[in-house]
Amino acid sequence: MHKIAAFIEFDKKITDKILAQKKIVKKKFGNQTYLNHPVHLTLFTLNIKKITELKKIYFSDINHSKRKYNIYLTKTGIFYNDPLTGGHTFFYKIKKSKSLANLQLKHLDKINKKITVLKKKNNLLKLAVLKKNYKKYGFPFVGKIWIPHTTIASIKNIDTKNEFLTKFLKSKIKLKCQYEKIKFYKIINNKHKFLFSIKNI
């Protein structure tokens, strides 16, 4: 099986700001989970049998749009006690527009209708809505429960009263850029291998 991810990437201004924040985290706390990941918004991750099947879906369908969409970074946030990392995950929240939510669903529907997506029966998801989404799409964070964001790092062994944490939550951010492409990557352990990009659908 292959783990693949669909990303939206940002313009240089936003990317540089997030990379600068990652450098601050590394200097203060050393290497942390997600710190070395590329700057992006994850639409979804899936486990599939063949990369060639995924490519066939998109390159046999030329019905792609040239329309560009706006994306807004609106504020800071933290996923406390992130079950995936065991740390507190620091992120910039992205405004959840109707077009962005629809984009995620369109791709998940498109893929699930045409190829086999792995959906392990013994997944550890506890919330009913997460289990339902995973069973349907192979990805739990879909619809209302999805919080679009771009991650800085997941920091372990940091107290919730830590000065860096409280300062981060109080910091202001208001940035905007446009996107017109979705990029697909293959994920191997902590590395990301670029596969291909497609126009918005």
C-alpha atoms as a PDB file:
ATOM      1  CA  MET A   1       0.000   0.000   0.000  1.00  0.00           C
ATOM      2  CA  HIS A   2       1.046   3.583  -0.596  1.00  0.00           C
ATOM      3  CA  LYS A   3       0.249   6.543   1.637  1.00  0.00           C
ATOM      4  CA  ILE A   4      -0.532   9.598  -0.474  1.00  0.00           C
ATOM      5  CA  ALA A   5      -1.439  13.164   0.452  1.00  0.00           C
ATOM      6  CA  ALA A   6      -3.139  16.028  -1.360  1.00  0.00           C
ATOM      7  CA  PHE A   7      -1.683  19.426  -0.492  1.00  0.00           C
ATOM      8  CA  ILE A   8      -2.349  23.058  -1.216  1.00  0.00           C
ATOM      9  CA  GLU A   9       0.833  25.111  -1.068  1.00  0.00           C
ATOM     10  CA  PHE A  10       1.164  28.855  -0.484  1.00  0.00           C
ATOM     11  CA  ASP A  11       2.911  31.847  -1.995  1.00  0.00           C
ATOM     12  CA  LYS A  12       6.426  32.874  -0.956  1.00  0.00           C
ATOM     13  CA  LYS A  13       5.296  35.470   1.605  1.00  0.00           C
ATOM     14  CA  ILE A  14       3.243  32.985   3.624  1.00  0.00           C
ATOM     15  CA  THR A  15       5.730  30.149   3.171  1.00  0.00           C
ATOM     16  CA  ASP A  16       8.620  32.309   4.413  1.00  0.00           C
ATOM     17  CA  LYS A  17       6.634  33.416   7.476  1.00  0.00           C
ATOM     18  CA  ILE A  18       5.867  29.830   8.469  1.00  0.00           C
ATOM     19  CA  LEU A  19       9.446  28.686   7.830  1.00  0.00           C
ATOM     20  CA  ALA A  20      10.655  31.522  10.070  1.00  0.00           C
ATOM     21  CA  GLN A  21       8.323  30.318  12.829  1.00  0.00           C
ATOM     22  CA  LYS A  22       9.609  26.761  12.385  1.00  0.00           C
ATOM     23  CA  LYS A  23      13.177  28.029  12.840  1.00  0.00           C
ATOM     24  CA  ILE A  24      12.199  29.703  16.121  1.00  0.00           C
ATOM     25  CA  VAL A  25      10.654  26.458  17.383  1.00  0.00           C
ATOM     26  CA  LYS A  26      13.748  24.467  16.422  1.00  0.00           C
ATOM     27  CA  LYS A  27      16.029  26.935  18.201  1.00  0.00           C
ATOM     28  CA  LYS A  28      13.929  26.872  21.378  1.00  0.00           C
ATOM     29  CA  PHE A  29      12.849  23.219  21.514  1.00  0.00           C
ATOM     30  CA  GLY A  30      15.098  21.260  19.147  1.00  0.00           C
ATOM     31  CA  ASN A  31      13.765  18.808  16.592  1.00  0.00           C
ATOM     32  CA  GLN A  32      10.036  18.258  16.926  1.00  0.00           C
ATOM     33  CA  THR A  33       7.383  16.329  14.981  1.00  0.00           C
ATOM     34  CA  TYR A  34       6.256  18.033  11.731  1.00  0.00           C
ATOM     35  CA  LEU A  35       9.041  20.599  12.010  1.00  0.00           C
ATOM     36  CA  ASN A  36      10.757  19.374   8.851  1.00  0.00           C
ATOM     37  CA  HIS A  37       7.565  18.877   6.841  1.00  0.00           C
ATOM     38  CA  PRO A  38       6.996  21.162   3.841  1.00  0.00           C
ATOM     39  CA  VAL A  39       4.704  24.167   4.337  1.00  0.00           C
ATOM     40  CA  HIS A  40       1.218  23.208   3.176  1.00  0.00           C
ATOM     41  CA  LEU A  41      -2.473  22.707   3.871  1.00  0.00           C
ATOM     42  CA  THR A  42      -3.448  19.026   3.859  1.00  0.00           C
ATOM     43  CA  LEU A  43      -6.708  18.323   2.045  1.00  0.00           C
ATOM     44  CA  PHE A  44      -6.485  14.633   2.918  1.00  0.00           C
ATOM     45  CA  THR A  45      -4.238  11.600   3.200  1.00  0.00           C
ATOM     46  CA  LEU A  46      -5.202   8.165   1.873  1.00  0.00           C
ATOM     47  CA  ASN A  47      -3.765   4.681   1.581  1.00  0.00           C
ATOM     48  CA  ILE A  48      -4.085   3.244  -1.907  1.00  0.00           C
ATOM     49  CA  LYS A  49      -2.818   0.164  -3.749  1.00  0.00           C
ATOM     50  CA  LYS A  50      -1.253   1.714  -6.852  1.00  0.00           C
ATOM     51  CA  ILE A  51       0.076   5.176  -7.621  1.00  0.00           C
ATOM     52  CA  THR A  52      -0.542   4.493 -11.324  1.00  0.00           C
ATOM     53  CA  GLU A  53      -4.268   4.135 -10.615  1.00  0.00           C
ATOM     54  CA  LEU A  54      -4.321   7.526  -8.916  1.00  0.00           C
ATOM     55  CA  LYS A  55      -2.536   9.184 -11.840  1.00  0.00           C
ATOM     56  CA  LYS A  56      -4.921   7.553 -14.298  1.00  0.00           C
ATOM     57  CA  ILE A  57      -7.912   9.156 -12.562  1.00  0.00           C
ATOM     58  CA  TYR A  58      -6.593  12.661 -13.109  1.00  0.00           C
ATOM     59  CA  PHE A  59      -4.686  12.440 -16.370  1.00  0.00           C
ATOM     60  CA  SER A  60      -7.540  10.725 -18.189  1.00  0.00           C
ATOM     61  CA  ASP A  61      -9.889  13.514 -17.089  1.00  0.00           C
ATOM     62  CA  ILE A  62      -9.144  16.870 -18.698  1.00  0.00           C
ATOM     63  CA  ASN A  63     -12.080  18.633 -17.032  1.00  0.00           C
ATOM     64  CA  HIS A  64      -9.984  20.874 -14.822  1.00  0.00           C
ATOM     65  CA  SER A  65     -10.728  24.493 -14.021  1.00  0.00           C
ATOM     66  CA  LYS A  66      -8.355  27.427 -14.469  1.00  0.00           C
ATOM     67  CA  ARG A  67     -10.149  29.298 -11.728  1.00  0.00           C
ATOM     68  CA  LYS A  68      -8.075  30.583  -8.837  1.00  0.00           C
ATOM     69  CA  TYR A  69      -9.370  30.596  -5.274  1.00  0.00           C
ATOM     70  CA  ASN A  70      -8.436  32.764  -2.321  1.00  0.00           C
ATOM     71  CA  ILE A  71      -7.107  31.235   0.855  1.00  0.00           C
ATOM     72  CA  TYR A  72      -6.907  33.100   4.164  1.00  0.00           C
ATOM     73  CA  LEU A  73      -4.724  32.490   7.211  1.00  0.00           C
ATOM     74  CA  THR A  74      -6.760  33.989  10.041  1.00  0.00           C
ATOM     75  CA  LYS A  75      -5.352  33.115  13.473  1.00  0.00           C
ATOM     76  CA  THR A  76      -3.116  30.855  15.531  1.00  0.00           C
ATOM     77  CA  GLY A  77      -4.218  27.674  17.258  1.00  0.00           C
ATOM     78  CA  ILE A  78      -3.037  24.598  19.136  1.00  0.00           C
ATOM     79  CA  PHE A  79      -4.276  21.011  19.108  1.00  0.00           C
ATOM     80  CA  TYR A  80      -3.584  20.107  22.736  1.00  0.00           C
ATOM     81  CA  ASN A  81      -2.460  16.554  23.509  1.00  0.00           C
ATOM     82  CA  ASP A  82      -2.533  15.582  19.856  1.00  0.00           C
ATOM     83  CA  PRO A  83      -3.147  11.788  19.857  1.00  0.00           C
ATOM     84  CA  LEU A  84      -1.110  11.417  16.660  1.00  0.00           C
ATOM     85  CA  THR A  85       2.046  12.943  18.137  1.00  0.00           C
ATOM     86  CA  GLY A  86       1.810  12.969  21.915  1.00  0.00           C
ATOM     87  CA  GLY A  87       2.546  16.703  21.899  1.00  0.00           C
ATOM     88  CA  HIS A  88       0.789  20.028  21.470  1.00  0.00           C
ATOM     89  CA  THR A  89       0.466  20.830  17.756  1.00  0.00           C
ATOM     90  CA  PHE A  90       0.933  24.505  16.851  1.00  0.00           C
ATOM     91  CA  PHE A  91      -0.742  25.732  13.683  1.00  0.00           C
ATOM     92  CA  TYR A  92      -2.124  28.663  11.707  1.00  0.00           C
ATOM     93  CA  LYS A  93      -5.833  28.311  11.073  1.00  0.00           C
ATOM     94  CA  ILE A  94      -7.161  28.704   7.539  1.00  0.00           C
ATOM     95  CA  LYS A  95     -10.613  30.120   6.872  1.00  0.00           C
ATOM     96  CA  LYS A  96     -12.938  27.298   5.915  1.00  0.00           C
ATOM     97  CA  SER A  97     -14.723  28.596   2.850  1.00  0.00           C
ATOM     98  CA  LYS A  98     -17.441  26.743   0.985  1.00  0.00           C
ATOM     99  CA  SER A  99     -15.189  26.372  -2.045  1.00  0.00           C
ATOM    100  CA  LEU A 100     -12.408  24.835   0.059  1.00  0.00           C
ATOM    101  CA  ALA A 101     -14.745  22.375   1.793  1.00  0.00           C
ATOM    102  CA  ASN A 102     -16.298  21.400  -1.548  1.00  0.00           C
ATOM    103  CA  LEU A 103     -12.861  20.924  -3.079  1.00  0.00           C
ATOM    104  CA  GLN A 104     -11.933  18.366  -0.424  1.00  0.00           C
ATOM    105  CA  LEU A 105     -15.183  16.432  -0.924  1.00  0.00           C
ATOM    106  CA  LYS A 106     -14.928  16.457  -4.722  1.00  0.00           C
ATOM    107  CA  HIS A 107     -11.489  14.884  -4.659  1.00  0.00           C
ATOM    108  CA  LEU A 108     -12.383  12.295  -2.019  1.00  0.00           C
ATOM    109  CA  ASP A 109     -15.529  11.307  -3.910  1.00  0.00           C
ATOM    110  CA  LYS A 110     -13.643  11.149  -7.210  1.00  0.00           C
ATOM    111  CA  ILE A 111     -10.913   8.877  -5.824  1.00  0.00           C
ATOM    112  CA  ASN A 112     -13.169   6.583  -3.788  1.00  0.00           C
ATOM    113  CA  LYS A 113     -15.483   5.972  -6.745  1.00  0.00           C
ATOM    114  CA  LYS A 114     -12.689   4.893  -9.069  1.00  0.00           C
ATOM    115  CA  ILE A 115     -10.004   3.074  -7.055  1.00  0.00           C
ATOM    116  CA  THR A 116      -9.675   1.024  -3.892  1.00  0.00           C
ATOM    117  CA  VAL A 117      -8.836   3.022  -0.778  1.00  0.00           C
ATOM    118  CA  LEU A 118      -7.606   1.118   2.271  1.00  0.00           C
ATOM    119  CA  LYS A 119      -9.916   1.440   5.292  1.00  0.00           C
ATOM    120  CA  LYS A 120      -8.582  -0.589   8.209  1.00  0.00           C
ATOM    121  CA  LYS A 121     -11.277  -2.117  10.375  1.00  0.00           C
ATOM    122  CA  ASN A 122      -9.133  -1.860  13.498  1.00  0.00           C
ATOM    123  CA  ASN A 123      -8.529   1.897  13.372  1.00  0.00           C
ATOM    124  CA  LEU A 124      -8.334   3.612  16.753  1.00  0.00           C
ATOM    125  CA  LEU A 125     -10.782   6.430  16.040  1.00  0.00           C
ATOM    126  CA  LYS A 126     -13.148   7.032  18.957  1.00  0.00           C
ATOM    127  CA  LEU A 127     -15.586   9.690  17.755  1.00  0.00           C
ATOM    128  CA  ALA A 128     -18.515   8.334  15.741  1.00  0.00           C
ATOM    129  CA  VAL A 129     -18.200  11.043  13.079  1.00  0.00           C
ATOM    130  CA  LEU A 130     -14.516  10.223  12.565  1.00  0.00           C
ATOM    131  CA  LYS A 131     -15.278   6.530  12.189  1.00  0.00           C
ATOM    132  CA  LYS A 132     -18.085   7.291   9.738  1.00  0.00           C
ATOM    133  CA  ASN A 133     -15.872   9.531   7.599  1.00  0.00           C
ATOM    134  CA  TYR A 134     -13.023   7.023   7.644  1.00  0.00           C
ATOM    135  CA  LYS A 135     -15.324   4.190   6.586  1.00  0.00           C
ATOM    136  CA  LYS A 136     -16.703   6.278   3.716  1.00  0.00           C
ATOM    137  CA  TYR A 137     -13.602   8.105   2.496  1.00  0.00           C
ATOM    138  CA  GLY A 138     -10.523   6.534   4.114  1.00  0.00           C
ATOM    139  CA  PHE A 139      -9.851   9.878   5.844  1.00  0.00           C
ATOM    140  CA  PRO A 140     -11.551  10.934   9.098  1.00  0.00           C
ATOM    141  CA  PHE A 141     -11.415  14.736   8.954  1.00  0.00           C
ATOM    142  CA  VAL A 142     -14.102  15.560   6.406  1.00  0.00           C
ATOM    143  CA  GLY A 143     -17.027  17.991   6.470  1.00  0.00           C
ATOM    144  CA  LYS A 144     -17.853  19.960   9.613  1.00  0.00           C
ATOM    145  CA  ILE A 145     -15.137  18.312  11.709  1.00  0.00           C
ATOM    146  CA  TRP A 146     -12.333  19.311   9.322  1.00  0.00           C
ATOM    147  CA  ILE A 147     -10.250  22.253  10.556  1.00  0.00           C
ATOM    148  CA  PRO A 148      -8.127  23.553   7.665  1.00  0.00           C
ATOM    149  CA  HIS A 149      -4.706  24.590   8.927  1.00  0.00           C
ATOM    150  CA  THR A 150      -0.995  24.642   8.230  1.00  0.00           C
ATOM    151  CA  THR A 151       1.167  23.085  10.913  1.00  0.00           C
ATOM    152  CA  ILE A 152       4.311  24.559  12.402  1.00  0.00           C
ATOM    153  CA  ALA A 153       5.294  21.716  14.730  1.00  0.00           C
ATOM    154  CA  SER A 154       4.015  19.408  17.432  1.00  0.00           C
ATOM    155  CA  ILE A 155       5.980  20.169  20.580  1.00  0.00           C
ATOM    156  CA  LYS A 156       6.368  17.618  23.358  1.00  0.00           C
ATOM    157  CA  ASN A 157       7.012  18.355  27.016  1.00  0.00           C
ATOM    158  CA  ILE A 158       5.818  21.947  26.902  1.00  0.00           C
ATOM    159  CA  ASP A 159       3.627  23.307  29.683  1.00  0.00           C
ATOM    160  CA  THR A 160       0.402  25.068  28.715  1.00  0.00           C
ATOM    161  CA  LYS A 161       1.613  28.102  30.699  1.00  0.00           C
ATOM    162  CA  ASN A 162       4.893  28.256  28.795  1.00  0.00           C
ATOM    163  CA  GLU A 163       5.680  31.813  27.660  1.00  0.00           C
ATOM    164  CA  PHE A 164       6.220  30.773  24.037  1.00  0.00           C
ATOM    165  CA  LEU A 165       2.870  28.981  23.962  1.00  0.00           C
ATOM    166  CA  THR A 166       0.875  31.855  25.443  1.00  0.00           C
ATOM    167  CA  LYS A 167       2.638  34.408  23.222  1.00  0.00           C
ATOM    168  CA  PHE A 168       1.929  32.289  20.133  1.00  0.00           C
ATOM    169  CA  LEU A 169      -1.795  32.130  20.903  1.00  0.00           C
ATOM    170  CA  LYS A 170      -1.947  35.908  21.317  1.00  0.00           C
ATOM    171  CA  SER A 171      -0.090  36.655  18.087  1.00  0.00           C
ATOM    172  CA  LYS A 172      -2.067  38.060  15.173  1.00  0.00           C
ATOM    173  CA  ILE A 173      -2.029  36.804  11.604  1.00  0.00           C
ATOM    174  CA  LYS A 174      -3.988  37.965   8.600  1.00  0.00           C
ATOM    175  CA  LEU A 175      -2.581  36.738   5.295  1.00  0.00           C
ATOM    176  CA  LYS A 176      -4.100  35.884   1.935  1.00  0.00           C
ATOM    177  CA  CYS A 177      -2.949  34.157  -1.227  1.00  0.00           C
ATOM    178  CA  GLN A 178      -4.442  32.380  -4.241  1.00  0.00           C
ATOM    179  CA  TYR A 179      -4.200  28.742  -5.240  1.00  0.00           C
ATOM    180  CA  GLU A 180      -5.064  27.005  -8.478  1.00  0.00           C
ATOM    181  CA  LYS A 181      -3.326  23.659  -8.085  1.00  0.00           C
ATOM    182  CA  ILE A 182      -3.521  20.600  -5.870  1.00  0.00           C
ATOM    183  CA  LYS A 183      -0.247  18.734  -5.393  1.00  0.00           C
ATOM    184  CA  PHE A 184      -0.042  15.020  -4.656  1.00  0.00           C
ATOM    185  CA  TYR A 185       2.790  13.524  -2.632  1.00  0.00           C
ATOM    186  CA  LYS A 186       3.774  10.021  -1.578  1.00  0.00           C
ATOM    187  CA  ILE A 187       4.624   9.863   2.121  1.00  0.00           C
ATOM    188  CA  ILE A 188       7.348   7.453   3.257  1.00  0.00           C
ATOM    189  CA  ASN A 189       7.950   7.683   6.997  1.00  0.00           C
ATOM    190  CA  ASN A 190       8.813  11.373   7.497  1.00  0.00           C
ATOM    191  CA  LYS A 191       9.665  12.134   3.859  1.00  0.00           C
ATOM    192  CA  HIS A 192       7.469  13.578   1.108  1.00  0.00           C
ATOM    193  CA  LYS A 193       8.019  12.604  -2.527  1.00  0.00           C
ATOM    194  CA  PHE A 194       6.283  14.810  -5.097  1.00  0.00           C
ATOM    195  CA  LEU A 195       4.107  12.853  -7.538  1.00  0.00           C
ATOM    196  CA  PHE A 196       2.143  15.324  -9.669  1.00  0.00           C
ATOM    197  CA  SER A 197      -0.038  18.425  -9.578  1.00  0.00           C
ATOM    198  CA  ILE A 198      -3.430  19.137 -11.147  1.00  0.00           C
ATOM    199  CA  LYS A 199      -5.598  22.178 -11.672  1.00  0.00           C
ATOM    200  CA  ASN A 200      -8.624  22.710  -9.453  1.00  0.00           C
ATOM    201  CA  ILE A 201     -11.715  20.678 -10.261  1.00  0.00           C
END
